[in-house]
Every structure is written in structure tokens, then in C-alpha cells.
Protein backbone atom coordinates (compact mmCIF):
# COMPACT_ATOMS: atom_id res chain seq x y z
CA UNK A 1 -84.47 102.01 33.68
CA UNK A 2 -86.14 101.75 37.30
CA UNK A 3 -85.64 104.80 37.86
CA UNK A 4 -82.87 104.32 40.20
CA UNK A 5 -79.72 106.14 40.52
CA UNK A 6 -76.50 105.15 40.21
CA UNK A 7 -72.99 106.55 41.09
CA UNK A 8 -70.58 104.94 39.25
CA UNK A 9 -70.46 101.36 37.66
CA UNK A 10 -73.14 98.50 38.70
CA UNK A 11 -71.42 95.37 40.41
CA UNK A 12 -72.32 92.45 38.43
CA UNK A 13 -71.45 89.14 40.43
CA UNK A 14 -71.19 85.61 39.35
CA UNK A 15 -70.25 82.18 40.76
CA UNK A 16 -69.90 80.72 37.12
CA UNK A 17 -66.31 80.96 36.37
CA UNK A 18 -66.73 80.63 32.65
CA UNK A 19 -69.01 83.45 32.12
CA UNK A 20 -66.67 85.98 34.21
CA UNK A 21 -64.00 84.62 32.00
CA UNK A 22 -66.27 85.23 28.69
CA UNK A 23 -67.19 88.78 29.52
CA UNK A 24 -63.73 90.14 31.63
CA UNK A 25 -61.22 88.79 28.99
CA UNK A 26 -60.90 90.22 25.17
CA UNK A 27 -59.37 87.31 23.61
CA UNK A 28 -62.11 85.46 24.97
CA UNK A 29 -64.44 83.42 22.17
CA UNK A 30 -68.12 82.49 22.70
CA UNK A 31 -68.85 79.43 21.01
CA UNK A 32 -72.90 79.43 20.82
CA UNK A 33 -74.51 81.47 18.67
CA UNK A 34 -77.36 81.63 21.11
CA UNK A 35 -75.98 83.98 23.68
CA UNK A 36 -74.45 86.30 21.55
CA UNK A 37 -76.43 89.29 21.86
CA UNK A 38 -76.45 89.50 25.19
CA UNK A 39 -72.60 88.64 25.31
CA UNK A 40 -72.25 91.34 23.30
CA UNK A 41 -73.88 94.04 25.53
CA UNK A 42 -72.44 92.83 28.81
CA UNK A 43 -68.72 93.50 26.81
CA UNK A 44 -70.01 96.50 25.18
CA UNK A 45 -71.10 97.61 28.90
CA UNK A 46 -67.58 96.65 30.91
CA UNK A 47 -65.42 98.20 28.65
CA UNK A 48 -67.81 101.39 28.72
CA UNK A 49 -67.19 101.23 32.38
CA UNK A 50 -70.93 100.98 33.34
CA UNK A 51 -70.59 97.56 35.04
CA UNK A 52 -67.74 95.81 36.99
CA UNK A 53 -67.97 91.97 36.92
CA UNK A 54 -66.64 89.93 39.40
CA UNK A 55 -66.43 86.13 40.80
CA UNK A 56 -68.15 85.34 43.71
CA UNK A 57 -67.88 81.52 45.19
CA UNK A 58 -70.87 79.48 46.26
CA UNK A 59 -70.19 79.64 49.69
CA UNK A 60 -69.96 83.39 50.05
CA UNK A 61 -73.47 84.05 47.42
CA UNK A 62 -76.18 84.70 49.14
CA UNK A 63 -78.86 84.80 46.47
CA UNK A 64 -76.74 81.21 45.53
CA UNK A 65 -78.37 79.67 48.59
CA UNK A 66 -81.84 79.70 47.66
CA UNK A 67 -81.73 77.53 44.20
CA UNK A 68 -79.55 75.01 46.25
CA UNK A 69 -80.93 71.75 47.75
CA UNK A 70 -80.75 71.52 51.56
CA UNK A 71 -81.16 68.52 53.57
CA UNK A 72 -82.25 69.02 57.07
CA UNK A 73 -84.32 71.53 59.20
């Protein structure tokens, strides 16, 4: 959509273990109806091989640093 050419699947990393499991395991079920559309789109993209979903721990997630409370200077 942004005009950036990708060669191979895009990597999608998340620190929420439940989200990663729900999107990668075919036997998982969705309990929240309002998430159904995005959930199925991500599952379809993963099955088509256009994205790869992986777990990223909070300790090593650089983007998560901007959302956490930091004590001290």
C-alpha cells in the first residue's frame, strides 16, 4: 500500500503471547466478536505466506520501550 516493494513475507512481531497463538495456531478459536474481521484477515495472510508472525519478548522489543513508564532520568 505504501509503495515499498517486499521480497518474501513481511515479519510481524508481537509481545502478546495470546495474540501470537491465536493467529498462528489453526485450532485456536476467537471469543471476541469485534475482533473477528482483523483476526481472519491476519489468519488468511499467514496462511497465504504474505506475513510471518513471531513472539518478541518485552525485554528485547525496542518499540515497546516507548510505551513503558521509565523511572529516573
